[in-house]
Amino acid sequence: MKVWLACFVLLFALAELFQWMKQFSLPLPIYILGGAFLAIASNYDKLGGLRWLSHDRAFINSASQPSITQSTAQPLQSVSFTTVPAAEQMQPCTKESK
């Protein structure tokens, strides 16, 4: 009997809360500020695009990592490709007639 009474009270409270929420409204600036806050909070880990924050991160990263000196750095090898003009790549289509 206690379970039925608890379920009835819970469902009654949820129904009343739903009725109250249907009549509840906020002004537009509150929705705009809430949306901006959610956008910032969801993209917090991608703040590298902001100048004043990326400068601080670059300073922290350079201080925590050892610098590369000339003795430990390996020279880059250059890669070169030869290109063939498109006119030379095209082969004429010919039909062989018998």
PDB file of N, CA and C in Angstrom:
ATOM      1  N   MET A   1       0.820  -1.189   0.000  1.00  0.00           N
ATOM      2  CA  MET A   1       0.000   0.000   0.000  1.00  0.00           C
ATOM      3  C   MET A   1       0.872   1.265   0.000  1.00  0.00           C
ATOM      4  N   LYS A   2       2.011   1.213   0.691  1.00  0.00           N
ATOM      5  CA  LYS A   2       2.900   2.358   0.753  1.00  0.00           C
ATOM      6  C   LYS A   2       3.504   2.645  -0.616  1.00  0.00           C
ATOM      7  N   VAL A   3       3.779   1.595  -1.402  1.00  0.00           N
ATOM      8  CA  VAL A   3       4.343   1.777  -2.741  1.00  0.00           C
ATOM      9  C   VAL A   3       3.332   2.476  -3.633  1.00  0.00           C
ATOM     10  N   TRP A   4       2.055   2.079  -3.559  1.00  0.00           N
ATOM     11  CA  TRP A   4       1.016   2.707  -4.371  1.00  0.00           C
ATOM     12  C   TRP A   4       0.855   4.172  -3.999  1.00  0.00           C
ATOM     13  N   LEU A   5       0.896   4.457  -2.717  1.00  0.00           N
ATOM     14  CA  LEU A   5       0.746   5.831  -2.257  1.00  0.00           C
ATOM     15  C   LEU A   5       1.940   6.682  -2.713  1.00  0.00           C
ATOM     16  N   ALA A   6       3.149   6.142  -2.629  1.00  0.00           N
ATOM     17  CA  ALA A   6       4.343   6.869  -3.062  1.00  0.00           C
ATOM     18  C   ALA A   6       4.298   7.120  -4.569  1.00  0.00           C
ATOM     19  N   CYS A   7       3.875   6.128  -5.347  1.00  0.00           N
ATOM     20  CA  CYS A   7       3.771   6.306  -6.805  1.00  0.00           C
ATOM     21  C   CYS A   7       2.721   7.349  -7.151  1.00  0.00           C
ATOM     22  N   PHE A   8       1.575   7.344  -6.430  1.00  0.00           N
ATOM     23  CA  PHE A   8       0.518   8.319  -6.686  1.00  0.00           C
ATOM     24  C   PHE A   8       1.006   9.733  -6.395  1.00  0.00           C
ATOM     25  N   VAL A   9       1.707   9.917  -5.289  1.00  0.00           N
ATOM     26  CA  VAL A   9       2.209  11.238  -4.914  1.00  0.00           C
ATOM     27  C   VAL A   9       3.263  11.702  -5.932  1.00  0.00           C
ATOM     28  N   LEU A  10       4.125  10.799  -6.343  1.00  0.00           N
ATOM     29  CA  LEU A  10       5.159  11.143  -7.311  1.00  0.00           C
ATOM     30  C   LEU A  10       4.551  11.538  -8.655  1.00  0.00           C
ATOM     31  N   LEU A  11       3.580  10.759  -9.135  1.00  0.00           N
ATOM     32  CA  LEU A  11       2.934  11.093 -10.418  1.00  0.00           C
ATOM     33  C   LEU A  11       2.130  12.386 -10.323  1.00  0.00           C
ATOM     34  N   PHE A  12       1.484  12.615  -9.179  1.00  0.00           N
ATOM     35  CA  PHE A  12       0.747  13.861  -8.989  1.00  0.00           C
ATOM     36  C   PHE A  12       1.705  15.055  -9.014  1.00  0.00           C
ATOM     37  N   ALA A  13       2.857  14.931  -8.349  1.00  0.00           N
ATOM     38  CA  ALA A  13       3.834  16.014  -8.324  1.00  0.00           C
ATOM     39  C   ALA A  13       4.390  16.269  -9.722  1.00  0.00           C
ATOM     40  N   LEU A  14       4.662  15.215 -10.475  1.00  0.00           N
ATOM     41  CA  LEU A  14       5.159  15.383 -11.842  1.00  0.00           C
ATOM     42  C   LEU A  14       4.120  16.052 -12.738  1.00  0.00           C
ATOM     43  N   ALA A  15       2.852  15.694 -12.590  1.00  0.00           N
ATOM     44  CA  ALA A  15       1.795  16.315 -13.400  1.00  0.00           C
ATOM     45  C   ALA A  15       1.665  17.800 -13.062  1.00  0.00           C
ATOM     46  N   GLU A  16       1.715  18.140 -11.794  1.00  0.00           N
ATOM     47  CA  GLU A  16       1.621  19.542 -11.391  1.00  0.00           C
ATOM     48  C   GLU A  16       2.847  20.331 -11.863  1.00  0.00           C
ATOM     49  N   LEU A  17       4.014  19.721 -11.796  1.00  0.00           N
ATOM     50  CA  LEU A  17       5.220  20.375 -12.276  1.00  0.00           C
ATOM     51  C   LEU A  17       5.138  20.618 -13.779  1.00  0.00           C
ATOM     52  N   PHE A  18       4.604  19.646 -14.513  1.00  0.00           N
ATOM     53  CA  PHE A  18       4.444  19.811 -15.948  1.00  0.00           C
ATOM     54  C   PHE A  18       3.476  20.952 -16.264  1.00  0.00           C
ATOM     55  N   GLN A  19       2.388  21.055 -15.539  1.00  0.00           N
ATOM     56  CA  GLN A  19       1.433  22.143 -15.751  1.00  0.00           C
ATOM     57  C   GLN A  19       2.070  23.499 -15.448  1.00  0.00           C
ATOM     58  N   TRP A  20       2.877  23.566 -14.412  1.00  0.00           N
ATOM     59  CA  TRP A  20       3.545  24.820 -14.073  1.00  0.00           C
ATOM     60  C   TRP A  20       4.587  25.187 -15.133  1.00  0.00           C
ATOM     61  N   MET A  21       5.334  24.184 -15.650  1.00  0.00           N
ATOM     62  CA  MET A  21       6.365  24.446 -16.654  1.00  0.00           C
ATOM     63  C   MET A  21       5.761  24.916 -17.983  1.00  0.00           C
ATOM     64  N   LYS A  22       4.564  24.489 -18.300  1.00  0.00           N
ATOM     65  CA  LYS A  22       3.918  24.944 -19.539  1.00  0.00           C
ATOM     66  C   LYS A  22       3.624  26.439 -19.495  1.00  0.00           C
ATOM     67  N   GLN A  23       3.348  26.974 -18.322  1.00  0.00           N
ATOM     68  CA  GLN A  23       3.038  28.390 -18.192  1.00  0.00           C
ATOM     69  C   GLN A  23       4.280  29.241 -17.944  1.00  0.00           C
ATOM     70  N   PHE A  24       5.396  28.630 -17.650  1.00  0.00           N
ATOM     71  CA  PHE A  24       6.631  29.334 -17.325  1.00  0.00           C
ATOM     72  C   PHE A  24       7.320  29.788 -18.607  1.00  0.00           C
ATOM     73  N   SER A  25       7.719  31.049 -18.666  1.00  0.00           N
ATOM     74  CA  SER A  25       8.452  31.548 -19.830  1.00  0.00           C
ATOM     75  C   SER A  25       9.513  32.546 -19.363  1.00  0.00           C
ATOM     76  N   LEU A  26      10.593  32.583 -20.116  1.00  0.00           N
ATOM     77  CA  LEU A  26      11.691  33.494 -19.819  1.00  0.00           C
ATOM     78  C   LEU A  26      11.799  34.528 -20.936  1.00  0.00           C
ATOM     79  N   PRO A  27      12.324  35.713 -20.640  1.00  0.00           N
ATOM     80  CA  PRO A  27      12.518  36.708 -21.699  1.00  0.00           C
ATOM     81  C   PRO A  27      13.633  36.275 -22.655  1.00  0.00           C
ATOM     82  N   LEU A  28      13.611  36.799 -23.864  1.00  0.00           N
ATOM     83  CA  LEU A  28      14.549  36.422 -24.919  1.00  0.00           C
ATOM     84  C   LEU A  28      16.017  36.620 -24.540  1.00  0.00           C
ATOM     85  N   PRO A  29      16.419  37.712 -23.873  1.00  0.00           N
ATOM     86  CA  PRO A  29      17.843  37.844 -23.524  1.00  0.00           C
ATOM     87  C   PRO A  29      18.365  36.705 -22.642  1.00  0.00           C
ATOM     88  N   ILE A  30      17.511  36.150 -21.800  1.00  0.00           N
ATOM     89  CA  ILE A  30      17.929  35.023 -20.959  1.00  0.00           C
ATOM     90  C   ILE A  30      18.220  33.811 -21.839  1.00  0.00           C
ATOM     91  N   TYR A  31      17.389  33.566 -22.858  1.00  0.00           N
ATOM     92  CA  TYR A  31      17.635  32.453 -23.778  1.00  0.00           C
ATOM     93  C   TYR A  31      18.936  32.669 -24.557  1.00  0.00           C
ATOM     94  N   ILE A  32      19.192  33.896 -24.971  1.00  0.00           N
ATOM     95  CA  ILE A  32      20.416  34.198 -25.724  1.00  0.00           C
ATOM     96  C   ILE A  32      21.645  33.982 -24.842  1.00  0.00           C
ATOM     97  N   LEU A  33      21.609  34.479 -23.617  1.00  0.00           N
ATOM     98  CA  LEU A  33      22.738  34.283 -22.706  1.00  0.00           C
ATOM     99  C   LEU A  33      22.935  32.811 -22.357  1.00  0.00           C
ATOM    100  N   GLY A  34      21.832  32.097 -22.177  1.00  0.00           N
ATOM    101  CA  GLY A  34      21.927  30.665 -21.895  1.00  0.00           C
ATOM    102  C   GLY A  34      22.530  29.906 -23.062  1.00  0.00           C
ATOM    103  N   GLY A  35      22.144  30.262 -24.291  1.00  0.00           N
ATOM    104  CA  GLY A  35      22.712  29.616 -25.467  1.00  0.00           C
ATOM    105  C   GLY A  35      24.186  29.914 -25.629  1.00  0.00           C
ATOM    106  N   ALA A  36      24.583  31.148 -25.359  1.00  0.00           N
ATOM    107  CA  ALA A  36      26.004  31.506 -25.443  1.00  0.00           C
ATOM    108  C   ALA A  36      26.810  30.761 -24.387  1.00  0.00           C
ATOM    109  N   PHE A  37      26.267  30.656 -23.193  1.00  0.00           N
ATOM    110  CA  PHE A  37      26.952  29.910 -22.140  1.00  0.00           C
ATOM    111  C   PHE A  37      27.105  28.440 -22.511  1.00  0.00           C
ATOM    112  N   LEU A  38      26.065  27.826 -23.060  1.00  0.00           N
ATOM    113  CA  LEU A  38      26.158  26.426 -23.471  1.00  0.00           C
ATOM    114  C   LEU A  38      27.164  26.241 -24.598  1.00  0.00           C
ATOM    115  N   ALA A  39      27.220  27.183 -25.539  1.00  0.00           N
ATOM    116  CA  ALA A  39      28.184  27.085 -26.637  1.00  0.00           C
ATOM    117  C   ALA A  39      29.619  27.180 -26.118  1.00  0.00           C
ATOM    118  N   ILE A  40      29.856  28.088 -25.196  1.00  0.00           N
ATOM    119  CA  ILE A  40      31.200  28.232 -24.637  1.00  0.00           C
ATOM    120  C   ILE A  40      31.561  27.007 -23.806  1.00  0.00           C
ATOM    121  N   ALA A  41      30.619  26.525 -23.003  1.00  0.00           N
ATOM    122  CA  ALA A  41      30.899  25.369 -22.154  1.00  0.00           C
ATOM    123  C   ALA A  41      31.150  24.112 -22.974  1.00  0.00           C
ATOM    124  N   SER A  42      30.427  23.924 -24.071  1.00  0.00           N
ATOM    125  CA  SER A  42      30.614  22.715 -24.860  1.00  0.00           C
ATOM    126  C   SER A  42      31.875  22.759 -25.702  1.00  0.00           C
ATOM    127  N   ASN A  43      32.406  23.944 -25.989  1.00  0.00           N
ATOM    128  CA  ASN A  43      33.629  24.074 -26.792  1.00  0.00           C
ATOM    129  C   ASN A  43      34.807  24.559 -25.962  1.00  0.00           C
ATOM    130  N   TYR A  44      34.766  24.331 -24.675  1.00  0.00           N
ATOM    131  CA  TYR A  44      35.812  24.846 -23.788  1.00  0.00           C
ATOM    132  C   TYR A  44      37.181  24.265 -24.124  1.00  0.00           C
ATOM    133  N   ASP A  45      37.219  23.007 -24.570  1.00  0.00           N
ATOM    134  CA  ASP A  45      38.505  22.382 -24.865  1.00  0.00           C
ATOM    135  C   ASP A  45      39.082  22.843 -26.194  1.00  0.00           C
ATOM    136  N   LYS A  46      38.339  23.589 -26.994  1.00  0.00           N
ATOM    137  CA  LYS A  46      38.799  24.057 -28.304  1.00  0.00           C
ATOM    138  C   LYS A  46      39.049  25.556 -28.301  1.00  0.00           C
ATOM    139  N   LEU A  47      39.536  26.109 -27.224  1.00  0.00           N
ATOM    140  CA  LEU A  47      39.724  27.559 -27.115  1.00  0.00           C
ATOM    141  C   LEU A  47      41.009  28.043 -27.763  1.00  0.00           C
ATOM    142  N   GLY A  48      41.680  27.236 -28.566  1.00  0.00           N
ATOM    143  CA  GLY A  48      42.935  27.631 -29.187  1.00  0.00           C
ATOM    144  C   GLY A  48      42.783  28.773 -30.161  1.00  0.00           C
ATOM    145  N   GLY A  49      41.598  29.041 -30.678  1.00  0.00           N
ATOM    146  CA  GLY A  49      41.402  30.091 -31.651  1.00  0.00           C
ATOM    147  C   GLY A  49      41.389  31.492 -31.064  1.00  0.00           C
ATOM    148  N   LEU A  50      41.259  31.609 -29.774  1.00  0.00           N
ATOM    149  CA  LEU A  50      41.229  32.921 -29.142  1.00  0.00           C
ATOM    150  C   LEU A  50      42.654  33.408 -28.909  1.00  0.00           C
ATOM    151  N   ARG A  51      42.949  34.605 -29.346  1.00  0.00           N
ATOM    152  CA  ARG A  51      44.321  35.112 -29.297  1.00  0.00           C
ATOM    153  C   ARG A  51      44.864  35.201 -27.880  1.00  0.00           C
ATOM    154  N   TRP A  52      44.097  35.763 -26.969  1.00  0.00           N
ATOM    155  CA  TRP A  52      44.634  35.980 -25.635  1.00  0.00           C
ATOM    156  C   TRP A  52      44.789  34.665 -24.881  1.00  0.00           C
ATOM    157  N   LEU A  53      44.022  33.640 -25.219  1.00  0.00           N
ATOM    158  CA  LEU A  53      44.195  32.351 -24.567  1.00  0.00           C
ATOM    159  C   LEU A  53      45.274  31.520 -25.247  1.00  0.00           C
ATOM    160  N   SER A  54      45.413  31.616 -26.563  1.00  0.00           N
ATOM    161  CA  SER A  54      46.420  30.820 -27.251  1.00  0.00           C
ATOM    162  C   SER A  54      47.828  31.301 -26.888  1.00  0.00           C
ATOM    163  N   HIS A  55      47.993  32.605 -26.611  1.00  0.00           N
ATOM    164  CA  HIS A  55      49.298  33.117 -26.191  1.00  0.00           C
ATOM    165  C   HIS A  55      49.695  32.501 -24.850  1.00  0.00           C
ATOM    166  N   ASP A  56      48.759  32.440 -23.916  1.00  0.00           N
ATOM    167  CA  ASP A  56      49.052  31.861 -22.612  1.00  0.00           C
ATOM    168  C   ASP A  56      49.378  30.379 -22.738  1.00  0.00           C
ATOM    169  N   ARG A  57      48.640  29.660 -23.568  1.00  0.00           N
ATOM    170  CA  ARG A  57      48.897  28.234 -23.754  1.00  0.00           C
ATOM    171  C   ARG A  57      50.253  28.010 -24.398  1.00  0.00           C
ATOM    172  N   ALA A  58      50.624  28.833 -25.370  1.00  0.00           N
ATOM    173  CA  ALA A  58      51.925  28.677 -26.019  1.00  0.00           C
ATOM    174  C   ALA A  58      53.042  28.901 -25.006  1.00  0.00           C
ATOM    175  N   PHE A  59      52.867  29.853 -24.111  1.00  0.00           N
ATOM    176  CA  PHE A  59      53.877  30.112 -23.089  1.00  0.00           C
ATOM    177  C   PHE A  59      53.981  28.934 -22.135  1.00  0.00           C
ATOM    178  N   ILE A  60      52.846  28.381 -21.736  1.00  0.00           N
ATOM    179  CA  ILE A  60      52.851  27.243 -20.811  1.00  0.00           C
ATOM    180  C   ILE A  60      53.454  26.025 -21.488  1.00  0.00           C
ATOM    181  N   ASN A  61      53.076  25.747 -22.739  1.00  0.00           N
ATOM    182  CA  ASN A  61      53.611  24.589 -23.448  1.00  0.00           C
ATOM    183  C   ASN A  61      55.113  24.724 -23.676  1.00  0.00           C
ATOM    184  N   SER A  62      55.598  25.917 -23.999  1.00  0.00           N
ATOM    185  CA  SER A  62      57.030  26.079 -24.243  1.00  0.00           C
ATOM    186  C   SER A  62      57.819  25.965 -22.940  1.00  0.00           C
ATOM    187  N   ALA A  63      57.232  26.329 -21.837  1.00  0.00           N
ATOM    188  CA  ALA A  63      57.932  26.229 -20.563  1.00  0.00           C
ATOM    189  C   ALA A  63      57.994  24.785 -20.076  1.00  0.00           C
ATOM    190  N   SER A  64      56.983  23.971 -20.393  1.00  0.00           N
ATOM    191  CA  SER A  64      56.942  22.615 -19.877  1.00  0.00           C
ATOM    192  C   SER A  64      57.689  21.615 -20.756  1.00  0.00           C
ATOM    193  N   GLN A  65      57.957  21.945 -22.017  1.00  0.00           N
ATOM    194  CA  GLN A  65      58.628  21.024 -22.918  1.00  0.00           C
ATOM    195  C   GLN A  65      60.058  21.486 -23.163  1.00  0.00           C
ATOM    196  N   PRO A  66      60.976  20.530 -23.272  1.00  0.00           N
ATOM    197  CA  PRO A  66      62.355  20.932 -23.554  1.00  0.00           C
ATOM    198  C   PRO A  66      62.480  21.471 -24.966  1.00  0.00           C
ATOM    199  N   SER A  67      63.385  22.425 -25.130  1.00  0.00           N
ATOM    200  CA  SER A  67      63.566  23.021 -26.449  1.00  0.00           C
ATOM    201  C   SER A  67      64.477  22.144 -27.297  1.00  0.00           C
ATOM    202  N   ILE A  68      64.316  22.204 -28.600  1.00  0.00           N
ATOM    203  CA  ILE A  68      65.123  21.433 -29.538  1.00  0.00           C
ATOM    204  C   ILE A  68      66.331  22.269 -29.927  1.00  0.00           C
ATOM    205  N   THR A  69      67.486  21.715 -29.734  1.00  0.00           N
ATOM    206  CA  THR A  69      68.706  22.436 -30.099  1.00  0.00           C
ATOM    207  C   THR A  69      69.191  21.943 -31.454  1.00  0.00           C
ATOM    208  N   GLN A  70      70.170  22.603 -32.009  1.00  0.00           N
ATOM    209  CA  GLN A  70      70.704  22.233 -33.315  1.00  0.00           C
ATOM    210  C   GLN A  70      71.352  20.858 -33.293  1.00  0.00           C
ATOM    211  N   SER A  71      71.918  20.463 -32.173  1.00  0.00           N
ATOM    212  CA  SER A  71      72.605  19.171 -32.111  1.00  0.00           C
ATOM    213  C   SER A  71      71.613  18.010 -32.131  1.00  0.00           C
ATOM    214  N   THR A  72      70.413  18.199 -31.583  1.00  0.00           N
ATOM    215  CA  THR A  72      69.442  17.110 -31.560  1.00  0.00           C
ATOM    216  C   THR A  72      68.489  17.152 -32.747  1.00  0.00           C
ATOM    217  N   ALA A  73      68.402  18.280 -33.423  1.00  0.00           N
ATOM    218  CA  ALA A  73      67.468  18.395 -34.543  1.00  0.00           C
ATOM    219  C   ALA A  73      68.065  17.726 -35.776  1.00  0.00           C
ATOM    220  N   GLN A  74      67.224  16.987 -36.492  1.00  0.00           N
ATOM    221  CA  GLN A  74      67.666  16.340 -37.720  1.00  0.00           C
ATOM    222  C   GLN A  74      67.235  17.188 -38.902  1.00  0.00           C
ATOM    223  N   PRO A  75      68.104  17.305 -39.911  1.00  0.00           N
ATOM    224  CA  PRO A  75      67.719  18.118 -41.070  1.00  0.00           C
ATOM    225  C   PRO A  75      66.588  17.450 -41.851  1.00  0.00           C
ATOM    226  N   LEU A  76      65.762  18.262 -42.437  1.00  0.00           N
ATOM    227  CA  LEU A  76      64.655  17.760 -43.242  1.00  0.00           C
ATOM    228  C   LEU A  76      65.163  17.364 -44.618  1.00  0.00           C
ATOM    229  N   GLN A  77      64.665  16.265 -45.116  1.00  0.00           N
ATOM    230  CA  GLN A  77      65.035  15.826 -46.453  1.00  0.00           C
ATOM    231  C   GLN A  77      64.020  16.395 -47.431  1.00  0.00           C
ATOM    232  N   SER A  78      64.528  16.890 -48.538  1.00  0.00           N
ATOM    233  CA  SER A  78      63.618  17.467 -49.507  1.00  0.00           C
ATOM    234  C   SER A  78      63.086  16.370 -50.421  1.00  0.00           C
ATOM    235  N   VAL A  79      61.879  16.556 -50.862  1.00  0.00           N
ATOM    236  CA  VAL A  79      61.232  15.620 -51.768  1.00  0.00           C
ATOM    237  C   VAL A  79      60.865  16.393 -53.019  1.00  0.00           C
ATOM    238  N   SER A  80      61.216  15.856 -54.175  1.00  0.00           N
ATOM    239  CA  SER A  80      60.859  16.539 -55.407  1.00  0.00           C
ATOM    240  C   SER A  80      60.113  15.572 -56.315  1.00  0.00           C
ATOM    241  N   PHE A  81      59.215  16.099 -57.093  1.00  0.00           N
ATOM    242  CA  PHE A  81      58.408  15.328 -58.022  1.00  0.00           C
ATOM    243  C   PHE A  81      58.549  15.942 -59.400  1.00  0.00           C
ATOM    244  N   THR A  82      58.483  15.110 -60.401  1.00  0.00           N
ATOM    245  CA  THR A  82      58.439  15.632 -61.764  1.00  0.00           C
ATOM    246  C   THR A  82      57.007  15.534 -62.239  1.00  0.00           C
ATOM    247  N   THR A  83      56.562  16.560 -62.896  1.00  0.00           N
ATOM    248  CA  THR A  83      55.185  16.571 -63.376  1.00  0.00           C
ATOM    249  C   THR A  83      55.181  16.479 -64.883  1.00  0.00           C
ATOM    250  N   VAL A  84      54.157  15.831 -65.388  1.00  0.00           N
ATOM    251  CA  VAL A  84      53.980  15.691 -66.827  1.00  0.00           C
ATOM    252  C   VAL A  84      52.769  16.518 -67.208  1.00  0.00           C
ATOM    253  N   PRO A  85      52.881  17.376 -68.207  1.00  0.00           N
ATOM    254  CA  PRO A  85      51.724  18.172 -68.620  1.00  0.00           C
ATOM    255  C   PRO A  85      50.562  17.276 -69.024  1.00  0.00           C
ATOM    256  N   ALA A  86      49.377  17.752 -68.844  1.00  0.00           N
ATOM    257  CA  ALA A  86      48.182  16.971 -69.119  1.00  0.00           C
ATOM    258  C   ALA A  86      48.084  16.591 -70.591  1.00  0.00           C
ATOM    259  N   ALA A  87      48.593  17.412 -71.495  1.00  0.00           N
ATOM    260  CA  ALA A  87      48.520  17.108 -72.931  1.00  0.00           C
ATOM    261  C   ALA A  87      49.346  15.868 -73.270  1.00  0.00           C
ATOM    262  N   GLU A  88      50.448  15.655 -72.578  1.00  0.00           N
ATOM    263  CA  GLU A  88      51.278  14.488 -72.841  1.00  0.00           C
ATOM    264  C   GLU A  88      50.675  13.218 -72.254  1.00  0.00           C
ATOM    265  N   GLN A  89      49.874  13.354 -71.222  1.00  0.00           N
ATOM    266  CA  GLN A  89      49.270  12.189 -70.600  1.00  0.00           C
ATOM    267  C   GLN A  89      48.117  11.647 -71.426  1.00  0.00           C
ATOM    268  N   MET A  90      47.472  12.480 -72.205  1.00  0.00           N
ATOM    269  CA  MET A  90      46.302  12.059 -72.970  1.00  0.00           C
ATOM    270  C   MET A  90      46.746  11.230 -74.170  1.00  0.00           C
ATOM    271  N   GLN A  91      46.082  10.147 -74.383  1.00  0.00           N
ATOM    272  CA  GLN A  91      46.373   9.270 -75.509  1.00  0.00           C
ATOM    273  C   GLN A  91      45.197   9.379 -76.482  1.00  0.00           C
ATOM    274  N   PRO A  92      45.469   9.501 -77.758  1.00  0.00           N
ATOM    275  CA  PRO A  92      44.347   9.591 -78.716  1.00  0.00           C
ATOM    276  C   PRO A  92      43.621   8.243 -78.803  1.00  0.00           C
ATOM    277  N   CYS A  93      42.330   8.331 -78.922  1.00  0.00           N
ATOM    278  CA  CYS A  93      41.512   7.130 -79.060  1.00  0.00           C
ATOM    279  C   CYS A  93      41.395   6.812 -80.559  1.00  0.00           C
ATOM    280  N   THR A  94      41.790   5.650 -80.920  1.00  0.00           N
ATOM    281  CA  THR A  94      41.696   5.233 -82.336  1.00  0.00           C
ATOM    282  C   THR A  94      40.949   3.918 -82.403  1.00  0.00           C
ATOM    283  N   LYS A  95      40.171   3.779 -83.462  1.00  0.00           N
ATOM    284  CA  LYS A  95      39.461   2.514 -83.699  1.00  0.00           C
ATOM    285  C   LYS A  95      40.237   1.735 -84.730  1.00  0.00           C
ATOM    286  N   GLU A  96      40.383   0.530 -84.450  1.00  0.00           N
ATOM    287  CA  GLU A  96      41.028  -0.338 -85.429  1.00  0.00           C
ATOM    288  C   GLU A  96      39.946  -0.958 -86.305  1.00  0.00           C
ATOM    289  N   SER A  97      40.044  -0.756 -87.564  1.00  0.00           N
ATOM    290  CA  SER A  97      39.040  -1.320 -88.475  1.00  0.00           C
ATOM    291  C   SER A  97      39.639  -2.498 -89.208  1.00  0.00           C
ATOM    292  N   LYS A  98      38.838  -3.479 -89.442  1.00  0.00           N
ATOM    293  CA  LYS A  98      39.324  -4.661 -90.155  1.00  0.00           C
ATOM    294  C   LYS A  98      38.823  -4.697 -91.540  1.00  0.00           C
TER     295      LYS A  98
END
